[in-house]
Amino acid sequence: MSRAFVKESEDTASEPELPERSISPHRNLVTPSGLAEIEAAVRRLEDELAAARAADDKPSIARCQRDLRYWNRRRASAEVVAPARGHGRVRFGSSVTLQLDDGTQRTLRIVGEDEADPATGKIAYVAPVAAGMIGAKVGDRVATGAGDGDILEIR
């Protein structure tokens, strides 16, 4: 049969094209452990892509390829920032213990955007809370998004 009479949908994948994952306009600062997480993501996705190709799973192939493009770009642009020790001020990579107005204590670690996980206390350096703490020292009062808090400790 002539190719002219084949429906286009029969000739191409019927899956919609996945949108690219957006890349932040900010510098890609990462902690050493953040870089290790990026590299682990690349390795995991390469394995998933190989498995998807072996299974001829087109949607999984497309997802893995898209995610690999994202993580390879993030790895290529990563700027590893070694932790500042004994500086006395909040910096990228610092863990900061705050005494909140309600009496509770909360420890936040300032990390790269891809490392951020607010549920575990890791906040991106570009987040307003982190930006408000950068440069502060023990005893300073900072806005936390849920009120104000006093910095008790910087590690």
C-alpha atoms as a PDB file:
ATOM      1  CA  MET A   1       0.000   0.000   0.000  1.00  0.00           C
ATOM      2  CA  SER A   2       1.232   3.456  -0.826  1.00  0.00           C
ATOM      3  CA  ARG A   3       2.366   5.589   2.124  1.00  0.00           C
ATOM      4  CA  ALA A   4       0.107   8.344   0.797  1.00  0.00           C
ATOM      5  CA  PHE A   5      -2.938   6.435   2.050  1.00  0.00           C
ATOM      6  CA  VAL A   6      -1.721   5.732   5.580  1.00  0.00           C
ATOM      7  CA  LYS A   7      -3.271   7.850   8.292  1.00  0.00           C
ATOM      8  CA  GLU A   8      -0.776  10.062  10.051  1.00  0.00           C
ATOM      9  CA  SER A   9      -1.898   8.750  13.447  1.00  0.00           C
ATOM     10  CA  GLU A  10      -0.950   5.224  12.364  1.00  0.00           C
ATOM     11  CA  ASP A  11       2.481   6.403  11.287  1.00  0.00           C
ATOM     12  CA  THR A  12       3.486   8.374  14.382  1.00  0.00           C
ATOM     13  CA  ALA A  13       3.232   7.951  18.109  1.00  0.00           C
ATOM     14  CA  SER A  14      -0.177   8.981  19.391  1.00  0.00           C
ATOM     15  CA  GLU A  15       1.304  10.207  22.673  1.00  0.00           C
ATOM     16  CA  PRO A  16       1.413  13.980  23.083  1.00  0.00           C
ATOM     17  CA  GLU A  17       4.869  15.500  23.253  1.00  0.00           C
ATOM     18  CA  LEU A  18       5.986  16.173  26.813  1.00  0.00           C
ATOM     19  CA  PRO A  19       6.777  19.771  27.694  1.00  0.00           C
ATOM     20  CA  GLU A  20      10.358  20.463  28.721  1.00  0.00           C
ATOM     21  CA  ARG A  21      11.060  20.913  32.412  1.00  0.00           C
ATOM     22  CA  SER A  22      11.762  24.581  33.038  1.00  0.00           C
ATOM     23  CA  ILE A  23      15.242  25.654  34.052  1.00  0.00           C
ATOM     24  CA  SER A  24      15.561  28.306  36.748  1.00  0.00           C
ATOM     25  CA  PRO A  25      17.089  31.633  35.727  1.00  0.00           C
ATOM     26  CA  HIS A  26      19.123  31.661  38.977  1.00  0.00           C
ATOM     27  CA  ARG A  27      22.665  30.377  39.351  1.00  0.00           C
ATOM     28  CA  ASN A  28      22.690  26.628  39.904  1.00  0.00           C
ATOM     29  CA  LEU A  29      24.413  26.614  43.288  1.00  0.00           C
ATOM     30  CA  VAL A  30      24.591  23.139  44.844  1.00  0.00           C
ATOM     31  CA  THR A  31      26.083  21.583  47.931  1.00  0.00           C
ATOM     32  CA  PRO A  32      28.446  18.627  47.427  1.00  0.00           C
ATOM     33  CA  SER A  33      25.595  16.288  48.416  1.00  0.00           C
ATOM     34  CA  GLY A  34      23.320  18.105  45.965  1.00  0.00           C
ATOM     35  CA  LEU A  35      25.718  17.381  43.125  1.00  0.00           C
ATOM     36  CA  ALA A  36      25.757  13.726  44.176  1.00  0.00           C
ATOM     37  CA  GLU A  37      21.932  13.729  44.045  1.00  0.00           C
ATOM     38  CA  ILE A  38      21.992  15.175  40.515  1.00  0.00           C
ATOM     39  CA  GLU A  39      24.496  12.554  39.375  1.00  0.00           C
ATOM     40  CA  ALA A  40      22.395   9.785  40.968  1.00  0.00           C
ATOM     41  CA  ALA A  41      19.318  11.074  39.133  1.00  0.00           C
ATOM     42  CA  VAL A  42      21.189  10.956  35.814  1.00  0.00           C
ATOM     43  CA  ARG A  43      22.358   7.366  36.445  1.00  0.00           C
ATOM     44  CA  ARG A  44      18.861   6.257  37.520  1.00  0.00           C
ATOM     45  CA  LEU A  45      17.259   7.847  34.453  1.00  0.00           C
ATOM     46  CA  GLU A  46      19.833   6.279  32.126  1.00  0.00           C
ATOM     47  CA  ASP A  47      18.923   2.855  33.582  1.00  0.00           C
ATOM     48  CA  GLU A  48      15.194   3.610  33.272  1.00  0.00           C
ATOM     49  CA  LEU A  49      15.689   4.732  29.668  1.00  0.00           C
ATOM     50  CA  ALA A  50      17.509   1.507  28.788  1.00  0.00           C
ATOM     51  CA  ALA A  51      14.693  -0.538  30.339  1.00  0.00           C
ATOM     52  CA  ALA A  52      12.024   1.525  28.558  1.00  0.00           C
ATOM     53  CA  ARG A  53      13.781   1.059  25.218  1.00  0.00           C
ATOM     54  CA  ALA A  54      14.063  -2.692  25.819  1.00  0.00           C
ATOM     55  CA  ALA A  55      10.309  -2.792  26.531  1.00  0.00           C
ATOM     56  CA  ASP A  56       9.557  -0.413  23.620  1.00  0.00           C
ATOM     57  CA  ASP A  57       7.610   1.724  26.111  1.00  0.00           C
ATOM     58  CA  LYS A  58       7.333   4.964  24.130  1.00  0.00           C
ATOM     59  CA  PRO A  59       5.754   7.107  26.884  1.00  0.00           C
ATOM     60  CA  SER A  60       8.473   6.061  29.341  1.00  0.00           C
ATOM     61  CA  ILE A  61      11.178   6.649  26.732  1.00  0.00           C
ATOM     62  CA  ALA A  62       9.878  10.187  26.142  1.00  0.00           C
ATOM     63  CA  ARG A  63       9.669  10.924  29.882  1.00  0.00           C
ATOM     64  CA  CYS A  64      13.166   9.574  30.565  1.00  0.00           C
ATOM     65  CA  GLN A  65      14.670  11.498  27.654  1.00  0.00           C
ATOM     66  CA  ARG A  66      13.008  14.724  28.780  1.00  0.00           C
ATOM     67  CA  ASP A  67      14.113  14.259  32.393  1.00  0.00           C
ATOM     68  CA  LEU A  68      17.656  13.346  31.306  1.00  0.00           C
ATOM     69  CA  ARG A  69      17.870  16.566  29.283  1.00  0.00           C
ATOM     70  CA  TYR A  70      16.884  18.512  32.397  1.00  0.00           C
ATOM     71  CA  TRP A  71      19.300  16.760  34.786  1.00  0.00           C
ATOM     72  CA  ASN A  72      22.198  16.826  32.313  1.00  0.00           C
ATOM     73  CA  ARG A  73      21.732  20.593  31.936  1.00  0.00           C
ATOM     74  CA  ARG A  74      21.590  20.978  35.723  1.00  0.00           C
ATOM     75  CA  ARG A  75      24.749  18.883  36.121  1.00  0.00           C
ATOM     76  CA  ALA A  76      26.557  20.921  33.466  1.00  0.00           C
ATOM     77  CA  SER A  77      25.628  24.231  35.115  1.00  0.00           C
ATOM     78  CA  ALA A  78      26.146  23.132  38.735  1.00  0.00           C
ATOM     79  CA  GLU A  79      28.370  25.374  40.859  1.00  0.00           C
ATOM     80  CA  VAL A  80      29.435  23.382  43.905  1.00  0.00           C
ATOM     81  CA  VAL A  81      29.713  25.542  47.005  1.00  0.00           C
ATOM     82  CA  ALA A  82      31.744  24.044  49.830  1.00  0.00           C
ATOM     83  CA  PRO A  83      30.264  24.630  53.281  1.00  0.00           C
ATOM     84  CA  ALA A  84      31.611  27.715  55.051  1.00  0.00           C
ATOM     85  CA  ARG A  85      32.887  26.683  58.460  1.00  0.00           C
ATOM     86  CA  GLY A  86      33.278  29.031  61.391  1.00  0.00           C
ATOM     87  CA  HIS A  87      32.164  32.101  59.476  1.00  0.00           C
ATOM     88  CA  GLY A  88      29.608  33.155  62.092  1.00  0.00           C
ATOM     89  CA  ARG A  89      27.081  34.278  59.499  1.00  0.00           C
ATOM     90  CA  VAL A  90      24.393  32.437  57.561  1.00  0.00           C
ATOM     91  CA  ARG A  91      25.649  31.397  54.135  1.00  0.00           C
ATOM     92  CA  PHE A  92      24.722  28.971  51.402  1.00  0.00           C
ATOM     93  CA  GLY A  93      24.897  25.464  52.898  1.00  0.00           C
ATOM     94  CA  SER A  94      24.371  26.651  56.484  1.00  0.00           C
ATOM     95  CA  SER A  95      22.006  24.907  58.876  1.00  0.00           C
ATOM     96  CA  VAL A  96      20.236  27.524  60.963  1.00  0.00           C
ATOM     97  CA  THR A  97      18.325  26.800  64.169  1.00  0.00           C
ATOM     98  CA  LEU A  98      15.615  29.337  64.888  1.00  0.00           C
ATOM     99  CA  GLN A  99      13.557  29.992  67.997  1.00  0.00           C
ATOM    100  CA  LEU A 100      10.116  30.900  66.666  1.00  0.00           C
ATOM    101  CA  ASP A 101       7.712  33.288  68.385  1.00  0.00           C
ATOM    102  CA  ASP A 102       5.497  30.392  69.514  1.00  0.00           C
ATOM    103  CA  GLY A 103       8.462  28.883  71.402  1.00  0.00           C
ATOM    104  CA  THR A 104       9.206  26.079  68.961  1.00  0.00           C
ATOM    105  CA  GLN A 105      12.597  25.567  67.386  1.00  0.00           C
ATOM    106  CA  ARG A 106      13.090  24.874  63.710  1.00  0.00           C
ATOM    107  CA  THR A 107      16.277  24.027  61.853  1.00  0.00           C
ATOM    108  CA  LEU A 108      16.538  25.032  58.201  1.00  0.00           C
ATOM    109  CA  ARG A 109      19.363  24.231  55.793  1.00  0.00           C
ATOM    110  CA  ILE A 110      20.003  26.554  52.859  1.00  0.00           C
ATOM    111  CA  VAL A 111      20.621  24.515  49.703  1.00  0.00           C
ATOM    112  CA  GLY A 112      20.313  24.622  45.920  1.00  0.00           C
ATOM    113  CA  GLU A 113      16.962  24.726  44.185  1.00  0.00           C
ATOM    114  CA  ASP A 114      16.981  21.075  43.119  1.00  0.00           C
ATOM    115  CA  GLU A 115      17.919  19.967  46.653  1.00  0.00           C
ATOM    116  CA  ALA A 116      15.152  21.914  48.377  1.00  0.00           C
ATOM    117  CA  ASP A 117      12.601  19.944  50.372  1.00  0.00           C
ATOM    118  CA  PRO A 118      10.791  22.220  52.820  1.00  0.00           C
ATOM    119  CA  ALA A 119       9.151  19.245  54.562  1.00  0.00           C
ATOM    120  CA  THR A 120      12.614  18.143  55.721  1.00  0.00           C
ATOM    121  CA  GLY A 121      13.881  21.653  56.465  1.00  0.00           C
ATOM    122  CA  LYS A 122      15.900  22.121  53.261  1.00  0.00           C
ATOM    123  CA  ILE A 123      15.094  25.460  51.643  1.00  0.00           C
ATOM    124  CA  ALA A 124      16.351  26.880  48.359  1.00  0.00           C
ATOM    125  CA  TYR A 125      18.763  29.764  48.649  1.00  0.00           C
ATOM    126  CA  VAL A 126      16.445  31.859  46.454  1.00  0.00           C
ATOM    127  CA  ALA A 127      13.438  31.345  48.761  1.00  0.00           C
ATOM    128  CA  PRO A 128      12.453  34.519  50.615  1.00  0.00           C
ATOM    129  CA  VAL A 129      13.090  32.886  54.011  1.00  0.00           C
ATOM    130  CA  ALA A 130      16.625  31.876  52.995  1.00  0.00           C
ATOM    131  CA  ALA A 131      17.354  35.199  51.310  1.00  0.00           C
ATOM    132  CA  GLY A 132      16.295  36.956  54.510  1.00  0.00           C
ATOM    133  CA  MET A 133      18.696  34.866  56.587  1.00  0.00           C
ATOM    134  CA  ILE A 134      21.792  35.138  54.359  1.00  0.00           C
ATOM    135  CA  GLY A 135      24.367  37.243  56.179  1.00  0.00           C
ATOM    136  CA  ALA A 136      22.569  37.115  59.548  1.00  0.00           C
ATOM    137  CA  LYS A 137      24.336  36.010  62.740  1.00  0.00           C
ATOM    138  CA  VAL A 138      23.334  34.342  66.013  1.00  0.00           C
ATOM    139  CA  GLY A 139      20.913  36.572  67.899  1.00  0.00           C
ATOM    140  CA  ASP A 140      19.504  38.253  64.800  1.00  0.00           C
ATOM    141  CA  ARG A 141      15.764  38.240  64.261  1.00  0.00           C
ATOM    142  CA  VAL A 142      14.563  37.059  60.854  1.00  0.00           C
ATOM    143  CA  ALA A 143      11.235  36.610  59.065  1.00  0.00           C
ATOM    144  CA  THR A 144      10.357  32.961  58.578  1.00  0.00           C
ATOM    145  CA  GLY A 145       7.173  33.145  56.552  1.00  0.00           C
ATOM    146  CA  ALA A 146       5.225  31.911  59.588  1.00  0.00           C
ATOM    147  CA  GLY A 147       6.230  34.810  61.802  1.00  0.00           C
ATOM    148  CA  ASP A 148       9.609  35.901  63.063  1.00  0.00           C
ATOM    149  CA  GLY A 149      12.335  33.939  64.766  1.00  0.00           C
ATOM    150  CA  ASP A 150      15.644  34.461  66.509  1.00  0.00           C
ATOM    151  CA  ILE A 151      18.739  32.691  65.213  1.00  0.00           C
ATOM    152  CA  LEU A 152      20.034  30.401  67.951  1.00  0.00           C
ATOM    153  CA  GLU A 153      22.726  28.492  66.060  1.00  0.00           C
ATOM    154  CA  ILE A 154      24.486  28.428  62.700  1.00  0.00           C
ATOM    155  CA  ARG A 155      26.272  25.281  61.531  1.00  0.00           C
END
